[in-house]
Each structure stands twice: as structure tokens, then as C-alpha cells.
Amino acid sequence: MTKKKNPTGAGAILALTILGGAILGGMMGQPSIGLLAGTGLGIVVAILLWLKEREK
């Protein structure tokens, strides 16, 4: 019997970091910079999750 892999999705994490960045940036008066920072953080987390899944 082969073991079935269930990959981890990063879409929710990416969406939450983008929204969180926009909200925090808006509170600081720079929503665009917060949006970009949240997007960058989300991409890094998604790539790290993808690399972790490749090792399995």
C-alpha cells in the first residue's frame, strides 16, 4: 500500500499576511508599504512551506 501525500496549502497564510500588512500599514499611515511588506512575508512563508513539503 502506498502512502498518500497530503500537501500543505499556503493560500490562507498568504492572504492573512497580505491583509495583516495592509491593516498594520494603514494604522501607521502607510497602507501601500504595509501591503507590500505583507505580500513579501507571505511569499517567504509560502516558499518555506513548499521547501519543507519537498523534503518529505
N, C-alpha and C. Protein backbone atom coordinates (compact mmCIF):
# COMPACT_ATOMS: atom_id res chain seq x y z
N MET A 1 0.84 -1.18 0.00
CA MET A 1 0.00 0.00 0.00
C MET A 1 0.89 1.24 0.00
N THR A 2 0.62 2.16 -0.90
CA THR A 2 1.42 3.38 -0.98
C THR A 2 0.84 4.45 -0.06
N LYS A 3 1.74 5.20 0.52
CA LYS A 3 1.33 6.27 1.42
C LYS A 3 0.97 7.50 0.59
N LYS A 4 -0.21 8.04 0.81
CA LYS A 4 -0.68 9.20 0.05
C LYS A 4 -0.20 10.49 0.73
N LYS A 5 0.38 11.39 -0.07
CA LYS A 5 0.84 12.67 0.47
C LYS A 5 -0.28 13.69 0.43
N ASN A 6 -0.46 14.39 1.51
CA ASN A 6 -1.41 15.50 1.58
C ASN A 6 -0.62 16.79 1.71
N PRO A 7 -0.44 17.51 0.62
CA PRO A 7 0.37 18.73 0.68
C PRO A 7 -0.30 19.83 1.51
N THR A 8 0.53 20.64 2.11
CA THR A 8 0.04 21.78 2.89
C THR A 8 -0.15 22.97 1.97
N GLY A 9 -1.30 23.59 2.04
CA GLY A 9 -1.57 24.78 1.23
C GLY A 9 -1.15 26.04 1.97
N ALA A 10 -0.69 27.01 1.25
CA ALA A 10 -0.22 28.25 1.85
C ALA A 10 -1.08 29.44 1.46
N GLY A 11 -2.19 29.19 0.80
CA GLY A 11 -3.04 30.29 0.33
C GLY A 11 -3.62 31.12 1.45
N ALA A 12 -4.09 30.46 2.51
CA ALA A 12 -4.67 31.20 3.63
C ALA A 12 -3.61 32.02 4.36
N ILE A 13 -2.44 31.45 4.51
CA ILE A 13 -1.35 32.18 5.18
C ILE A 13 -0.95 33.39 4.35
N LEU A 14 -0.89 33.21 3.04
CA LEU A 14 -0.55 34.32 2.15
C LEU A 14 -1.59 35.43 2.24
N ALA A 15 -2.86 35.06 2.20
CA ALA A 15 -3.94 36.05 2.28
C ALA A 15 -3.92 36.79 3.62
N LEU A 16 -3.70 36.06 4.71
CA LEU A 16 -3.68 36.70 6.03
C LEU A 16 -2.50 37.65 6.20
N THR A 17 -1.34 37.28 5.67
CA THR A 17 -0.19 38.19 5.79
C THR A 17 -0.40 39.45 4.95
N ILE A 18 -1.03 39.31 3.79
CA ILE A 18 -1.31 40.49 2.96
C ILE A 18 -2.29 41.42 3.68
N LEU A 19 -3.38 40.85 4.20
CA LEU A 19 -4.36 41.67 4.92
C LEU A 19 -3.76 42.28 6.18
N GLY A 20 -3.01 41.48 6.92
CA GLY A 20 -2.38 41.99 8.14
C GLY A 20 -1.41 43.12 7.85
N GLY A 21 -0.64 42.97 6.78
CA GLY A 21 0.30 44.03 6.40
C GLY A 21 -0.42 45.31 6.02
N ALA A 22 -1.52 45.18 5.28
CA ALA A 22 -2.28 46.36 4.88
C ALA A 22 -2.90 47.05 6.09
N ILE A 23 -3.41 46.26 7.02
CA ILE A 23 -4.02 46.84 8.22
C ILE A 23 -2.97 47.53 9.09
N LEU A 24 -1.85 46.84 9.33
CA LEU A 24 -0.79 47.46 10.15
C LEU A 24 -0.21 48.69 9.45
N GLY A 25 -0.02 48.59 8.15
CA GLY A 25 0.48 49.75 7.40
C GLY A 25 -0.50 50.90 7.45
N GLY A 26 -1.80 50.61 7.37
CA GLY A 26 -2.81 51.66 7.46
C GLY A 26 -2.81 52.33 8.82
N MET A 27 -2.57 51.55 9.86
CA MET A 27 -2.50 52.13 11.22
C MET A 27 -1.29 53.05 11.37
N MET A 28 -0.25 52.79 10.56
CA MET A 28 0.95 53.61 10.61
C MET A 28 0.93 54.71 9.55
N GLY A 29 -0.14 54.77 8.76
CA GLY A 29 -0.25 55.81 7.74
C GLY A 29 0.40 55.44 6.42
N GLN A 30 0.80 54.18 6.26
CA GLN A 30 1.44 53.74 5.02
C GLN A 30 0.85 52.40 4.57
N PRO A 31 -0.41 52.38 4.13
CA PRO A 31 -1.04 51.11 3.77
C PRO A 31 -0.38 50.41 2.58
N SER A 32 0.15 51.16 1.64
CA SER A 32 0.78 50.54 0.47
C SER A 32 2.06 49.80 0.86
N ILE A 33 2.85 50.42 1.70
CA ILE A 33 4.08 49.78 2.17
C ILE A 33 3.73 48.55 3.01
N GLY A 34 2.69 48.65 3.84
CA GLY A 34 2.26 47.51 4.63
C GLY A 34 1.78 46.37 3.76
N LEU A 35 1.06 46.70 2.69
CA LEU A 35 0.58 45.68 1.75
C LEU A 35 1.76 44.97 1.09
N LEU A 36 2.74 45.73 0.66
CA LEU A 36 3.92 45.13 0.03
C LEU A 36 4.72 44.29 1.02
N ALA A 37 4.87 44.78 2.24
CA ALA A 37 5.59 44.01 3.25
C ALA A 37 4.85 42.72 3.60
N GLY A 38 3.54 42.79 3.73
CA GLY A 38 2.75 41.60 4.00
C GLY A 38 2.83 40.60 2.86
N THR A 39 2.82 41.10 1.64
CA THR A 39 2.95 40.21 0.47
C THR A 39 4.31 39.53 0.47
N GLY A 40 5.34 40.30 0.74
CA GLY A 40 6.69 39.72 0.78
C GLY A 40 6.83 38.67 1.86
N LEU A 41 6.29 38.95 3.03
CA LEU A 41 6.34 37.98 4.13
C LEU A 41 5.55 36.73 3.77
N GLY A 42 4.40 36.90 3.18
CA GLY A 42 3.58 35.76 2.78
C GLY A 42 4.27 34.89 1.74
N ILE A 43 4.95 35.52 0.80
CA ILE A 43 5.67 34.76 -0.22
C ILE A 43 6.81 33.96 0.41
N VAL A 44 7.52 34.57 1.34
CA VAL A 44 8.61 33.87 2.02
C VAL A 44 8.07 32.66 2.78
N VAL A 45 6.97 32.84 3.51
CA VAL A 45 6.38 31.74 4.26
C VAL A 45 5.91 30.64 3.31
N ALA A 46 5.28 31.01 2.20
CA ALA A 46 4.80 30.02 1.23
C ALA A 46 5.97 29.23 0.63
N ILE A 47 7.06 29.90 0.33
CA ILE A 47 8.22 29.21 -0.22
C ILE A 47 8.82 28.27 0.82
N LEU A 48 8.90 28.71 2.06
CA LEU A 48 9.42 27.84 3.12
C LEU A 48 8.56 26.60 3.31
N LEU A 49 7.25 26.76 3.27
CA LEU A 49 6.36 25.61 3.37
C LEU A 49 6.54 24.67 2.18
N TRP A 50 6.69 25.23 0.99
CA TRP A 50 6.90 24.41 -0.20
C TRP A 50 8.20 23.62 -0.09
N LEU A 51 9.27 24.28 0.37
CA LEU A 51 10.54 23.58 0.53
C LEU A 51 10.45 22.48 1.57
N LYS A 52 9.72 22.74 2.64
CA LYS A 52 9.54 21.72 3.68
C LYS A 52 8.79 20.51 3.14
N GLU A 53 7.77 20.76 2.30
CA GLU A 53 6.99 19.67 1.72
C GLU A 53 7.83 18.85 0.72
N ARG A 54 8.74 19.49 0.03
CA ARG A 54 9.58 18.77 -0.93
C ARG A 54 10.49 17.76 -0.25
N GLU A 55 10.89 18.06 1.00
CA GLU A 55 11.79 17.16 1.73
C GLU A 55 11.11 15.87 2.13
N LYS A 56 9.79 15.89 2.26
CA LYS A 56 9.06 14.70 2.72
C LYS A 56 8.98 13.64 1.67
